[in-house]
Amino acid sequence: MTREVLLTRTGQPFLISGSGTLGWDQVSANLIQQGDNVLVLNTGYFGDSFADCLTTYGAQVDQLRAEFGKTVDLSEIEKALSSKKYKAVTITQVDTSTAVLTHPKPVADLIAKHSPETLLFVDAVCAVASEEIRMDDWGIDVVLSASQKGIGAPPGLSILVASQKAISTFNARTTPIPAFYASWQRWLPIMNAYEKGTPAYFATPPVNLIYAYHEALSQILRGNLSLEDRLKLHGQTSKRVKLAAEELGLKQVPVDASAAANGMTALYCPEGVKASELVPIFLTKGVIIAGGLGTRKDLYFRIGHMGVTAVNSARGDIDHVISVLKEVITEKSVQT
C-alpha cells in the first residue's frame, strides 16, 4: 500500500521507528559518500536542516536558496546541473516552515535532460497523501516521509521508499556506511523478510504504529474515495481556507499561489500582531495553530488542513477553523 500511495511499482520501502528526520539520515548515510556533491533546493527551514544532515555525513553541499516565500527558479537549477556533476539533488516538496510547494516533476525533467545519473531525493513529509507524487513516472529516486500529516497516523514512523536506481547506488558504494541504526545494510534484509512474511530482527519495530499506519493506508486506498479524489479534496479545502484568509486581508507567505501547499496555509499576521500572541488565543477556541519558524517566526502563523480534516467535511473541522480564524483576526484587528 505504501507503493500504491506513491505510485511506484518497484520502489523499496523502509518502515522504521523514528521521525521523518530519520529519512535524511538514511539517504545521507546510505547513498552519499565522503566528498560527493549534492545540490539542495532550499525553500525554508527544512531545506537548511536537510543540508546540515548531508554535510554531517561528508557531502559537499551547494544550496540554491529561494527568496522567502518563493521556489528556486528552474533556470538556476538548469545552470547548476550544467556546471557540475552532482550525486544527488534534494527537494523539500512542501517546506512546512513556509507552506511553499516545489513541484518535483520539472526538476526531475531537468535532471533527466542534463544529468541522468544524478539521484533525486524528495522530502515529502508534508506532502504524501495531500500532494501529487508519481514516483516512477517522474523519476524520483527517494521519497521520504512520516506517518503523521497527510497519511493521518500517529507520529513516530519513518517512511522512505527508494527506487531501484537508488538501491543500485547503495550496492555500488565503496566505503563503509557511517551509521548503525540508519544503515540499509541492516534494514534491507529486515524489509525483505517482512514482505515475505518471515521472521527477522534488527531493532524492535513500532508494532502499534504499524497497525495504525496500515489502517490509515486502508482508509486512503480502500475507502470510498480514490487517491485522485482525495488529492482534489485537499485542493478544495486549501482554497476554502486561503479564500477566507484573503477576505480578512491576510497575506500568504507563498508569493505565488501555484506554489502554495494544499495541506497547510501560512499567513502573515495582521499589522502589529505577533504569532506568539495568536497561538494561545486560537487554542482557547479549540484550534491549534503554529507560529512561524526561523528568524521570521513571529511574523506569520501556520494552519494545517490535511488528512481526515480535509476529506471528511461531515466532521466540520474546516468550518470550525475558518470560523475561529475570522473571529480571532477580527478581534485583533479591532484591538490594534
C-alpha atoms as a PDB file:
ATOM      1  CA  MET A   1       0.000   0.000   0.000  1.00  0.00           C
ATOM      2  CA  THR A   2       2.953   2.327   0.560  1.00  0.00           C
ATOM      3  CA  ARG A   3       3.914   1.749  -3.049  1.00  0.00           C
ATOM      4  CA  GLU A   4       0.347   2.448  -4.181  1.00  0.00           C
ATOM      5  CA  VAL A   5       0.222   5.826  -2.449  1.00  0.00           C
ATOM      6  CA  LEU A   6       3.472   6.907  -4.122  1.00  0.00           C
ATOM      7  CA  LEU A   7       2.580   5.349  -7.486  1.00  0.00           C
ATOM      8  CA  THR A   8       5.638   3.140  -7.721  1.00  0.00           C
ATOM      9  CA  ARG A   9       5.777  -0.477  -8.817  1.00  0.00           C
ATOM     10  CA  THR A  10       9.345  -1.344  -7.872  1.00  0.00           C
ATOM     11  CA  GLY A  11      10.282   1.097  -5.085  1.00  0.00           C
ATOM     12  CA  GLN A  12      11.788  -0.427  -1.945  1.00  0.00           C
ATOM     13  CA  PRO A  13      10.002   0.728   1.228  1.00  0.00           C
ATOM     14  CA  PHE A  14      11.782   1.200   4.547  1.00  0.00           C
ATOM     15  CA  LEU A  15       9.391   1.449   7.522  1.00  0.00           C
ATOM     16  CA  ILE A  16      11.465   2.205  10.596  1.00  0.00           C
ATOM     17  CA  SER A  17      10.744   3.547  14.057  1.00  0.00           C
ATOM     18  CA  GLY A  18      11.726   7.216  14.076  1.00  0.00           C
ATOM     19  CA  SER A  19      10.509  10.625  12.944  1.00  0.00           C
ATOM     20  CA  GLY A  20      10.635  11.890   9.383  1.00  0.00           C
ATOM     21  CA  THR A  21      14.059  13.306  10.225  1.00  0.00           C
ATOM     22  CA  LEU A  22      15.454   9.768  10.121  1.00  0.00           C
ATOM     23  CA  GLY A  23      14.850   9.864   6.356  1.00  0.00           C
ATOM     24  CA  TRP A  24      17.557  12.498   5.995  1.00  0.00           C
ATOM     25  CA  ASP A  25      19.993  10.275   7.861  1.00  0.00           C
ATOM     26  CA  GLN A  26      19.045   7.279   5.735  1.00  0.00           C
ATOM     27  CA  VAL A  27      19.781   8.938   2.392  1.00  0.00           C
ATOM     28  CA  SER A  28      22.872  10.742   3.704  1.00  0.00           C
ATOM     29  CA  ALA A  29      24.390   7.611   5.259  1.00  0.00           C
ATOM     30  CA  ASN A  30      23.496   5.080   2.577  1.00  0.00           C
ATOM     31  CA  LEU A  31      23.538   6.928  -0.738  1.00  0.00           C
ATOM     32  CA  ILE A  32      26.170   9.614  -0.170  1.00  0.00           C
ATOM     33  CA  GLN A  33      29.900   9.040   0.264  1.00  0.00           C
ATOM     34  CA  GLN A  34      32.512  11.429   1.621  1.00  0.00           C
ATOM     35  CA  GLY A  35      33.053  14.276  -0.826  1.00  0.00           C
ATOM     36  CA  ASP A  36      30.030  13.628  -3.033  1.00  0.00           C
ATOM     37  CA  ASN A  37      28.477  16.777  -4.491  1.00  0.00           C
ATOM     38  CA  VAL A  38      24.832  17.358  -3.552  1.00  0.00           C
ATOM     39  CA  LEU A  39      22.590  20.210  -4.680  1.00  0.00           C
ATOM     40  CA  VAL A  40      19.959  21.306  -2.145  1.00  0.00           C
ATOM     41  CA  LEU A  41      16.988  23.318  -3.395  1.00  0.00           C
ATOM     42  CA  ASN A  42      16.262  25.330  -0.276  1.00  0.00           C
ATOM     43  CA  THR A  43      12.810  26.837   0.302  1.00  0.00           C
ATOM     44  CA  GLY A  44      12.942  27.182   4.081  1.00  0.00           C
ATOM     45  CA  TYR A  45      13.883  25.798   7.464  1.00  0.00           C
ATOM     46  CA  PHE A  46      13.711  22.151   6.411  1.00  0.00           C
ATOM     47  CA  GLY A  47      15.980  22.753   3.437  1.00  0.00           C
ATOM     48  CA  ASP A  48      18.522  24.131   5.902  1.00  0.00           C
ATOM     49  CA  SER A  49      18.197  21.013   8.037  1.00  0.00           C
ATOM     50  CA  PHE A  50      18.492  18.582   5.120  1.00  0.00           C
ATOM     51  CA  ALA A  51      21.675  20.398   4.046  1.00  0.00           C
ATOM     52  CA  ASP A  52      23.052  20.186   7.600  1.00  0.00           C
ATOM     53  CA  CYS A  53      22.391  16.444   7.690  1.00  0.00           C
ATOM     54  CA  LEU A  54      24.108  15.843   4.342  1.00  0.00           C
ATOM     55  CA  THR A  55      27.116  17.890   5.460  1.00  0.00           C
ATOM     56  CA  THR A  56      27.322  15.869   8.675  1.00  0.00           C
ATOM     57  CA  TYR A  57      27.847  12.726   6.589  1.00  0.00           C
ATOM     58  CA  GLY A  58      30.568  14.318   4.460  1.00  0.00           C
ATOM     59  CA  ALA A  59      28.705  15.613   1.420  1.00  0.00           C
ATOM     60  CA  GLN A  60      29.907  18.713  -0.387  1.00  0.00           C
ATOM     61  CA  VAL A  61      26.656  20.678  -0.393  1.00  0.00           C
ATOM     62  CA  ASP A  62      25.740  23.504  -2.737  1.00  0.00           C
ATOM     63  CA  GLN A  63      22.496  25.309  -1.974  1.00  0.00           C
ATOM     64  CA  LEU A  64      20.202  27.234  -4.250  1.00  0.00           C
ATOM     65  CA  ARG A  65      18.255  29.370  -1.793  1.00  0.00           C
ATOM     66  CA  ALA A  66      14.903  30.713  -2.846  1.00  0.00           C
ATOM     67  CA  GLU A  67      13.756  34.089  -1.608  1.00  0.00           C
ATOM     68  CA  PHE A  68      11.481  33.746   1.393  1.00  0.00           C
ATOM     69  CA  GLY A  69       8.085  32.558   0.184  1.00  0.00           C
ATOM     70  CA  LYS A  70       9.337  31.577  -3.273  1.00  0.00           C
ATOM     71  CA  THR A  71      10.633  28.479  -5.041  1.00  0.00           C
ATOM     72  CA  VAL A  72      14.034  28.087  -6.680  1.00  0.00           C
ATOM     73  CA  ASP A  73      13.975  29.289 -10.280  1.00  0.00           C
ATOM     74  CA  LEU A  74      14.244  26.432 -12.783  1.00  0.00           C
ATOM     75  CA  SER A  75      16.839  28.335 -14.819  1.00  0.00           C
ATOM     76  CA  GLU A  76      19.128  28.385 -11.754  1.00  0.00           C
ATOM     77  CA  ILE A  77      18.738  24.640 -11.344  1.00  0.00           C
ATOM     78  CA  GLU A  78      19.495  24.068 -15.029  1.00  0.00           C
ATOM     79  CA  LYS A  79      22.614  26.233 -14.790  1.00  0.00           C
ATOM     80  CA  ALA A  80      23.828  24.351 -11.693  1.00  0.00           C
ATOM     81  CA  LEU A  81      23.280  20.938 -13.298  1.00  0.00           C
ATOM     82  CA  SER A  82      25.187  22.059 -16.387  1.00  0.00           C
ATOM     83  CA  SER A  83      28.157  23.370 -14.388  1.00  0.00           C
ATOM     84  CA  LYS A  84      28.893  20.452 -12.049  1.00  0.00           C
ATOM     85  CA  LYS A  85      28.238  16.742 -11.645  1.00  0.00           C
ATOM     86  CA  TYR A  86      26.012  16.117  -8.649  1.00  0.00           C
ATOM     87  CA  LYS A  87      25.464  12.791  -6.938  1.00  0.00           C
ATOM     88  CA  ALA A  88      22.026  13.973  -5.859  1.00  0.00           C
ATOM     89  CA  VAL A  89      19.562  16.858  -5.876  1.00  0.00           C
ATOM     90  CA  THR A  90      17.198  17.358  -2.935  1.00  0.00           C
ATOM     91  CA  ILE A  91      13.754  18.960  -2.875  1.00  0.00           C
ATOM     92  CA  THR A  92      11.514  19.760   0.061  1.00  0.00           C
ATOM     93  CA  GLN A  93       8.215  19.242  -1.741  1.00  0.00           C
ATOM     94  CA  VAL A  94       6.323  21.193   0.918  1.00  0.00           C
ATOM     95  CA  ASP A  95       8.523  23.092   3.333  1.00  0.00           C
ATOM     96  CA  THR A  96       6.397  23.046   6.467  1.00  0.00           C
ATOM     97  CA  SER A  97       8.066  26.231   7.665  1.00  0.00           C
ATOM     98  CA  THR A  98       6.698  28.328   4.788  1.00  0.00           C
ATOM     99  CA  ALA A  99       3.948  26.225   3.103  1.00  0.00           C
ATOM    100  CA  VAL A 100       5.896  26.685  -0.140  1.00  0.00           C
ATOM    101  CA  LEU A 101       5.261  23.873  -2.639  1.00  0.00           C
ATOM    102  CA  THR A 102       8.008  22.810  -5.046  1.00  0.00           C
ATOM    103  CA  HIS A 103       6.686  20.659  -7.886  1.00  0.00           C
ATOM    104  CA  PRO A 104       9.097  17.720  -8.339  1.00  0.00           C
ATOM    105  CA  LYS A 105       8.380  16.897 -11.988  1.00  0.00           C
ATOM    106  CA  PRO A 106      10.000  19.976 -13.622  1.00  0.00           C
ATOM    107  CA  VAL A 107      13.134  19.391 -11.523  1.00  0.00           C
ATOM    108  CA  ALA A 108      13.143  15.685 -12.415  1.00  0.00           C
ATOM    109  CA  ASP A 109      12.829  16.608 -16.091  1.00  0.00           C
ATOM    110  CA  LEU A 110      15.878  18.887 -15.851  1.00  0.00           C
ATOM    111  CA  ILE A 111      17.896  16.128 -14.181  1.00  0.00           C
ATOM    112  CA  ALA A 112      16.885  13.649 -16.887  1.00  0.00           C
ATOM    113  CA  LYS A 113      17.973  16.149 -19.550  1.00  0.00           C
ATOM    114  CA  HIS A 114      21.268  17.394 -18.101  1.00  0.00           C
ATOM    115  CA  SER A 115      22.462  14.777 -15.594  1.00  0.00           C
ATOM    116  CA  PRO A 116      20.537  11.487 -15.794  1.00  0.00           C
ATOM    117  CA  GLU A 117      22.904   9.708 -13.411  1.00  0.00           C
ATOM    118  CA  THR A 118      22.036  12.172 -10.627  1.00  0.00           C
ATOM    119  CA  LEU A 119      19.661  10.952  -7.915  1.00  0.00           C
ATOM    120  CA  LEU A 120      16.576  12.953  -6.927  1.00  0.00           C
ATOM    121  CA  PHE A 121      15.631  12.950  -3.235  1.00  0.00           C
ATOM    122  CA  VAL A 122      12.211  14.358  -2.307  1.00  0.00           C
ATOM    123  CA  ASP A 123      11.463  15.278   1.301  1.00  0.00           C
ATOM    124  CA  ALA A 124       7.713  14.688   1.254  1.00  0.00           C
ATOM    125  CA  VAL A 125       6.943  14.634   4.980  1.00  0.00           C
ATOM    126  CA  CYS A 126       4.292  17.316   4.472  1.00  0.00           C
ATOM    127  CA  ALA A 127       3.270  16.153   1.000  1.00  0.00           C
ATOM    128  CA  VAL A 128       2.450  12.430   0.921  1.00  0.00           C
ATOM    129  CA  ALA A 129      -1.318  11.854   0.555  1.00  0.00           C
ATOM    130  CA  SER A 130      -2.026  15.587   0.224  1.00  0.00           C
ATOM    131  CA  GLU A 131       0.049  16.478  -2.870  1.00  0.00           C
ATOM    132  CA  GLU A 132       0.523  14.629  -6.159  1.00  0.00           C
ATOM    133  CA  ILE A 133       3.554  12.320  -6.181  1.00  0.00           C
ATOM    134  CA  ARG A 134       4.243   9.986  -9.118  1.00  0.00           C
ATOM    135  CA  MET A 135       7.483   8.344  -8.119  1.00  0.00           C
ATOM    136  CA  ASP A 136       8.038   6.116 -11.157  1.00  0.00           C
ATOM    137  CA  ASP A 137       6.623   8.387 -13.857  1.00  0.00           C
ATOM    138  CA  TRP A 138       8.572  11.413 -12.639  1.00  0.00           C
ATOM    139  CA  GLY A 139      11.849   9.570 -11.995  1.00  0.00           C
ATOM    140  CA  ILE A 140      12.117  10.229  -8.254  1.00  0.00           C
ATOM    141  CA  ASP A 141      14.788   8.107  -6.547  1.00  0.00           C
ATOM    142  CA  VAL A 142      13.865   8.612  -2.891  1.00  0.00           C
ATOM    143  CA  VAL A 143      10.645   9.768  -1.285  1.00  0.00           C
ATOM    144  CA  LEU A 144      10.997  10.238   2.456  1.00  0.00           C
ATOM    145  CA  SER A 145       8.051  10.906   4.719  1.00  0.00           C
ATOM    146  CA  ALA A 146       6.491  10.156   8.088  1.00  0.00           C
ATOM    147  CA  SER A 147       3.321   8.616   9.442  1.00  0.00           C
ATOM    148  CA  GLN A 148       1.583  11.805  10.543  1.00  0.00           C
ATOM    149  CA  LYS A 149       0.255  14.712   8.467  1.00  0.00           C
ATOM    150  CA  GLY A 150      -1.378  13.683   5.177  1.00  0.00           C
ATOM    151  CA  ILE A 151      -1.273   9.970   5.942  1.00  0.00           C
ATOM    152  CA  GLY A 152      -3.084  10.572   9.209  1.00  0.00           C
ATOM    153  CA  ALA A 153      -1.462   8.033  11.556  1.00  0.00           C
ATOM    154  CA  PRO A 154       0.271   8.983  14.833  1.00  0.00           C
ATOM    155  CA  PRO A 155       3.836  10.316  14.550  1.00  0.00           C
ATOM    156  CA  GLY A 156       6.843   8.089  15.146  1.00  0.00           C
ATOM    157  CA  LEU A 157       7.245   6.060  11.946  1.00  0.00           C
ATOM    158  CA  SER A 158       9.861   6.991   9.368  1.00  0.00           C
ATOM    159  CA  ILE A 159       8.621   6.075   5.887  1.00  0.00           C
ATOM    160  CA  LEU A 160      11.070   6.015   2.994  1.00  0.00           C
ATOM    161  CA  VAL A 161      10.827   4.465  -0.468  1.00  0.00           C
ATOM    162  CA  ALA A 162      13.927   4.073  -2.652  1.00  0.00           C
ATOM    163  CA  SER A 163      13.970   3.442  -6.387  1.00  0.00           C
ATOM    164  CA  GLN A 164      15.908   0.513  -7.822  1.00  0.00           C
ATOM    165  CA  LYS A 165      18.387   3.076  -9.165  1.00  0.00           C
ATOM    166  CA  ALA A 166      18.938   4.244  -5.580  1.00  0.00           C
ATOM    167  CA  ILE A 167      19.314   0.648  -4.360  1.00  0.00           C
ATOM    168  CA  SER A 168      21.884   0.018  -7.107  1.00  0.00           C
ATOM    169  CA  THR A 169      23.760   3.140  -5.992  1.00  0.00           C
ATOM    170  CA  PHE A 170      23.693   1.815  -2.433  1.00  0.00           C
ATOM    171  CA  ASN A 171      25.002  -1.598  -3.516  1.00  0.00           C
ATOM    172  CA  ALA A 172      27.816   0.038  -5.512  1.00  0.00           C
ATOM    173  CA  ARG A 173      29.160   2.188  -2.664  1.00  0.00           C
ATOM    174  CA  THR A 174      32.880   1.683  -1.981  1.00  0.00           C
ATOM    175  CA  THR A 175      33.149   2.960   1.600  1.00  0.00           C
ATOM    176  CA  PRO A 176      31.627   1.750   4.879  1.00  0.00           C
ATOM    177  CA  ILE A 177      28.219   3.110   5.854  1.00  0.00           C
ATOM    178  CA  PRO A 178      28.840   5.781   8.528  1.00  0.00           C
ATOM    179  CA  ALA A 179      25.755   4.866  10.569  1.00  0.00           C
ATOM    180  CA  PHE A 180      24.460   1.977  12.656  1.00  0.00           C
ATOM    181  CA  TYR A 181      20.710   2.384  13.166  1.00  0.00           C
ATOM    182  CA  ALA A 182      20.170   4.096   9.790  1.00  0.00           C
ATOM    183  CA  SER A 183      22.169   1.524   7.804  1.00  0.00           C
ATOM    184  CA  TRP A 184      20.322  -0.130   4.941  1.00  0.00           C
ATOM    185  CA  GLN A 185      22.818  -2.971   5.183  1.00  0.00           C
ATOM    186  CA  ARG A 186      20.968  -3.861   8.367  1.00  0.00           C
ATOM    187  CA  TRP A 187      17.455  -2.796   7.382  1.00  0.00           C
ATOM    188  CA  LEU A 188      17.155  -4.106   3.824  1.00  0.00           C
ATOM    189  CA  PRO A 189      17.164  -7.787   4.880  1.00  0.00           C
ATOM    190  CA  ILE A 190      14.529  -6.957   7.501  1.00  0.00           C
ATOM    191  CA  MET A 191      12.259  -5.239   4.965  1.00  0.00           C
ATOM    192  CA  ASN A 192      12.658  -8.130   2.533  1.00  0.00           C
ATOM    193  CA  ALA A 193      11.799 -10.603   5.284  1.00  0.00           C
ATOM    194  CA  TYR A 194       8.726  -8.614   6.335  1.00  0.00           C
ATOM    195  CA  GLU A 195       7.471  -8.624   2.758  1.00  0.00           C
ATOM    196  CA  LYS A 196       7.932 -12.391   2.522  1.00  0.00           C
ATOM    197  CA  GLY A 197       6.144 -12.846   5.837  1.00  0.00           C
ATOM    198  CA  THR A 198       9.155 -14.439   7.515  1.00  0.00           C
ATOM    199  CA  PRO A 199      10.621 -13.550  10.925  1.00  0.00           C
ATOM    200  CA  ALA A 200      13.599 -11.165  11.111  1.00  0.00           C
ATOM    201  CA  TYR A 201      15.073  -8.861  13.725  1.00  0.00           C
ATOM    202  CA  PHE A 202      17.412  -5.909  13.899  1.00  0.00           C
ATOM    203  CA  ALA A 203      15.639  -3.450  16.193  1.00  0.00           C
ATOM    204  CA  THR A 204      12.245  -3.526  17.843  1.00  0.00           C
ATOM    205  CA  PRO A 205       9.562  -2.455  15.360  1.00  0.00           C
ATOM    206  CA  PRO A 206       6.876   0.035  16.461  1.00  0.00           C
ATOM    207  CA  VAL A 207       4.102  -2.565  16.264  1.00  0.00           C
ATOM    208  CA  ASN A 208       1.320  -0.213  17.387  1.00  0.00           C
ATOM    209  CA  LEU A 209       2.331   2.368  14.760  1.00  0.00           C
ATOM    210  CA  ILE A 210       2.474  -0.287  12.033  1.00  0.00           C
ATOM    211  CA  TYR A 211      -1.120  -1.242  12.844  1.00  0.00           C
ATOM    212  CA  ALA A 212      -2.140   2.443  12.808  1.00  0.00           C
ATOM    213  CA  TYR A 213      -0.261   3.017   9.548  1.00  0.00           C
ATOM    214  CA  HIS A 214      -1.980   0.002   7.977  1.00  0.00           C
ATOM    215  CA  GLU A 215      -5.373   1.381   8.998  1.00  0.00           C
ATOM    216  CA  ALA A 216      -4.531   4.852   7.666  1.00  0.00           C
ATOM    217  CA  LEU A 217      -3.405   3.433   4.314  1.00  0.00           C
ATOM    218  CA  SER A 218      -6.515   1.258   4.174  1.00  0.00           C
ATOM    219  CA  GLN A 219      -8.700   4.327   4.581  1.00  0.00           C
ATOM    220  CA  ILE A 220      -6.756   6.177   1.873  1.00  0.00           C
ATOM    221  CA  LEU A 221      -6.663   3.362  -0.665  1.00  0.00           C
ATOM    222  CA  ARG A 222      -9.596   1.099   0.170  1.00  0.00           C
ATOM    223  CA  GLY A 223     -12.191   3.670   1.224  1.00  0.00           C
ATOM    224  CA  ASN A 224     -14.913   5.392  -0.761  1.00  0.00           C
ATOM    225  CA  LEU A 225     -12.524   7.896  -2.318  1.00  0.00           C
ATOM    226  CA  SER A 226      -9.828   7.246  -4.893  1.00  0.00           C
ATOM    227  CA  LEU A 227      -6.381   8.690  -4.214  1.00  0.00           C
ATOM    228  CA  GLU A 228      -7.012  11.187  -7.015  1.00  0.00           C
ATOM    229  CA  ASP A 229     -10.302  12.308  -5.450  1.00  0.00           C
ATOM    230  CA  ARG A 230      -8.595  12.600  -2.074  1.00  0.00           C
ATOM    231  CA  LEU A 231      -5.989  14.936  -3.531  1.00  0.00           C
ATOM    232  CA  LYS A 232      -8.718  17.004  -5.203  1.00  0.00           C
ATOM    233  CA  LEU A 233     -10.467  17.412  -1.831  1.00  0.00           C
ATOM    234  CA  HIS A 234      -7.217  18.648  -0.305  1.00  0.00           C
ATOM    235  CA  GLY A 235      -7.077  21.251  -3.062  1.00  0.00           C
ATOM    236  CA  GLN A 236     -10.655  22.335  -2.434  1.00  0.00           C
ATOM    237  CA  THR A 237     -10.116  22.573   1.320  1.00  0.00           C
ATOM    238  CA  SER A 238      -6.959  24.582   0.756  1.00  0.00           C
ATOM    239  CA  LYS A 239      -8.835  27.070  -1.431  1.00  0.00           C
ATOM    240  CA  ARG A 240     -11.523  27.490   1.234  1.00  0.00           C
ATOM    241  CA  VAL A 241      -9.015  28.350   3.954  1.00  0.00           C
ATOM    242  CA  LYS A 242      -6.949  30.622   1.739  1.00  0.00           C
ATOM    243  CA  LEU A 243     -10.016  32.454   0.425  1.00  0.00           C
ATOM    244  CA  ALA A 244     -11.248  33.050   3.988  1.00  0.00           C
ATOM    245  CA  ALA A 245      -7.825  34.464   4.878  1.00  0.00           C
ATOM    246  CA  GLU A 246      -7.822  36.698   1.817  1.00  0.00           C
ATOM    247  CA  GLU A 247     -11.248  38.074   2.744  1.00  0.00           C
ATOM    248  CA  LEU A 248      -9.775  39.021   6.128  1.00  0.00           C
ATOM    249  CA  GLY A 249      -6.935  40.874   4.421  1.00  0.00           C
ATOM    250  CA  LEU A 250      -4.302  38.311   5.384  1.00  0.00           C
ATOM    251  CA  LYS A 251      -1.414  37.731   3.003  1.00  0.00           C
ATOM    252  CA  GLN A 252       0.011  34.266   2.322  1.00  0.00           C
ATOM    253  CA  VAL A 253       3.707  33.532   2.846  1.00  0.00           C
ATOM    254  CA  PRO A 254       3.994  31.757  -0.549  1.00  0.00           C
ATOM    255  CA  VAL A 255       4.321  34.550  -3.074  1.00  0.00           C
ATOM    256  CA  ASP A 256       2.843  32.569  -5.972  1.00  0.00           C
ATOM    257  CA  ALA A 257      -0.491  30.827  -5.456  1.00  0.00           C
ATOM    258  CA  SER A 258       0.667  27.926  -7.662  1.00  0.00           C
ATOM    259  CA  ALA A 259       3.489  27.308  -5.181  1.00  0.00           C
ATOM    260  CA  ALA A 260       1.241  27.144  -2.100  1.00  0.00           C
ATOM    261  CA  ALA A 261       0.709  23.796  -0.394  1.00  0.00           C
ATOM    262  CA  ASN A 262      -2.679  22.075  -0.343  1.00  0.00           C
ATOM    263  CA  GLY A 263      -2.211  20.578   3.109  1.00  0.00           C
ATOM    264  CA  MET A 264      -1.402  23.757   5.003  1.00  0.00           C
ATOM    265  CA  THR A 265      -1.625  27.532   4.847  1.00  0.00           C
ATOM    266  CA  ALA A 266       0.983  30.029   6.081  1.00  0.00           C
ATOM    267  CA  LEU A 267      -0.304  33.575   6.715  1.00  0.00           C
ATOM    268  CA  TYR A 268       1.332  36.805   7.753  1.00  0.00           C
ATOM    269  CA  CYS A 269      -0.051  38.226  10.996  1.00  0.00           C
ATOM    270  CA  PRO A 270      -2.058  41.452  10.974  1.00  0.00           C
ATOM    271  CA  GLU A 271      -0.008  44.607  11.391  1.00  0.00           C
ATOM    272  CA  GLY A 272       1.230  44.979  14.955  1.00  0.00           C
ATOM    273  CA  VAL A 273       0.329  41.409  15.978  1.00  0.00           C
ATOM    274  CA  LYS A 274       2.789  38.590  16.724  1.00  0.00           C
ATOM    275  CA  ALA A 275       2.253  34.901  16.053  1.00  0.00           C
ATOM    276  CA  SER A 276       3.105  34.180  19.686  1.00  0.00           C
ATOM    277  CA  GLU A 277       0.038  36.249  20.647  1.00  0.00           C
ATOM    278  CA  LEU A 278      -2.286  34.413  18.244  1.00  0.00           C
ATOM    279  CA  VAL A 279      -1.372  30.820  19.113  1.00  0.00           C
ATOM    280  CA  PRO A 280      -2.811  30.848  22.674  1.00  0.00           C
ATOM    281  CA  ILE A 281      -5.966  32.701  21.559  1.00  0.00           C
ATOM    282  CA  PHE A 282      -6.715  30.085  18.902  1.00  0.00           C
ATOM    283  CA  LEU A 283      -6.081  27.365  21.474  1.00  0.00           C
ATOM    284  CA  THR A 284      -8.708  28.750  23.863  1.00  0.00           C
ATOM    285  CA  LYS A 285     -11.204  28.421  20.987  1.00  0.00           C
ATOM    286  CA  GLY A 286     -10.308  24.796  20.257  1.00  0.00           C
ATOM    287  CA  VAL A 287      -7.998  25.302  17.282  1.00  0.00           C
ATOM    288  CA  ILE A 288      -4.283  24.520  17.322  1.00  0.00           C
ATOM    289  CA  ILE A 289      -2.138  26.629  15.000  1.00  0.00           C
ATOM    290  CA  ALA A 290       1.628  27.096  14.869  1.00  0.00           C
ATOM    291  CA  GLY A 291       3.784  30.165  14.683  1.00  0.00           C
ATOM    292  CA  GLY A 292       6.476  30.503  12.071  1.00  0.00           C
ATOM    293  CA  LEU A 293       9.964  29.000  12.092  1.00  0.00           C
ATOM    294  CA  GLY A 294      13.364  30.627  11.879  1.00  0.00           C
ATOM    295  CA  THR A 295      14.178  34.315  12.133  1.00  0.00           C
ATOM    296  CA  ARG A 296      10.695  35.358  10.929  1.00  0.00           C
ATOM    297  CA  LYS A 297       8.850  33.062  13.326  1.00  0.00           C
ATOM    298  CA  ASP A 298       6.730  35.789  14.935  1.00  0.00           C
ATOM    299  CA  LEU A 299       5.708  37.407  11.666  1.00  0.00           C
ATOM    300  CA  TYR A 300       3.409  34.640  10.441  1.00  0.00           C
ATOM    301  CA  PHE A 301       1.391  31.638  11.549  1.00  0.00           C
ATOM    302  CA  ARG A 302       0.518  28.268  10.044  1.00  0.00           C
ATOM    303  CA  ILE A 303      -2.682  26.247   9.797  1.00  0.00           C
ATOM    304  CA  GLY A 304      -2.655  22.543   8.937  1.00  0.00           C
ATOM    305  CA  HIS A 305      -5.563  21.096   6.947  1.00  0.00           C
ATOM    306  CA  MET A 306      -4.684  17.632   5.725  1.00  0.00           C
ATOM    307  CA  GLY A 307      -5.803  14.056   6.108  1.00  0.00           C
ATOM    308  CA  VAL A 308      -9.197  13.491   7.692  1.00  0.00           C
ATOM    309  CA  THR A 309      -9.769  17.213   8.297  1.00  0.00           C
ATOM    310  CA  ALA A 310      -9.563  17.851   4.563  1.00  0.00           C
ATOM    311  CA  VAL A 311     -11.514  14.894   3.213  1.00  0.00           C
ATOM    312  CA  ASN A 312     -14.307  14.402   5.759  1.00  0.00           C
ATOM    313  CA  SER A 313     -16.448  17.529   5.645  1.00  0.00           C
ATOM    314  CA  ALA A 314     -19.065  15.933   7.927  1.00  0.00           C
ATOM    315  CA  ARG A 315     -16.691  16.437  10.853  1.00  0.00           C
ATOM    316  CA  GLY A 316     -16.899  20.194  10.410  1.00  0.00           C
ATOM    317  CA  ASP A 317     -13.217  20.722  11.198  1.00  0.00           C
ATOM    318  CA  ILE A 318     -12.580  23.233   8.429  1.00  0.00           C
ATOM    319  CA  ASP A 319     -15.804  25.103   9.153  1.00  0.00           C
ATOM    320  CA  HIS A 320     -14.658  25.489  12.749  1.00  0.00           C
ATOM    321  CA  VAL A 321     -11.140  26.562  11.778  1.00  0.00           C
ATOM    322  CA  ILE A 322     -12.438  29.226   9.377  1.00  0.00           C
ATOM    323  CA  SER A 323     -14.964  30.462  11.919  1.00  0.00           C
ATOM    324  CA  VAL A 324     -12.292  30.818  14.613  1.00  0.00           C
ATOM    325  CA  LEU A 325      -9.866  32.404  12.142  1.00  0.00           C
ATOM    326  CA  LYS A 326     -12.431  35.088  11.305  1.00  0.00           C
ATOM    327  CA  GLU A 327     -13.294  35.643  14.952  1.00  0.00           C
ATOM    328  CA  VAL A 328      -9.693  35.974  16.171  1.00  0.00           C
ATOM    329  CA  ILE A 329      -8.403  38.132  13.332  1.00  0.00           C
ATOM    330  CA  THR A 330     -11.422  40.447  13.522  1.00  0.00           C
ATOM    331  CA  GLU A 331     -10.918  40.855  17.271  1.00  0.00           C
ATOM    332  CA  LYS A 332      -7.167  41.522  16.962  1.00  0.00           C
ATOM    333  CA  SER A 333      -7.700  43.970  14.092  1.00  0.00           C
ATOM    334  CA  VAL A 334     -10.145  45.969  16.217  1.00  0.00           C
ATOM    335  CA  GLN A 335      -7.721  45.989  19.150  1.00  0.00           C
ATOM    336  CA  THR A 336      -4.787  47.212  17.077  1.00  0.00           C
END
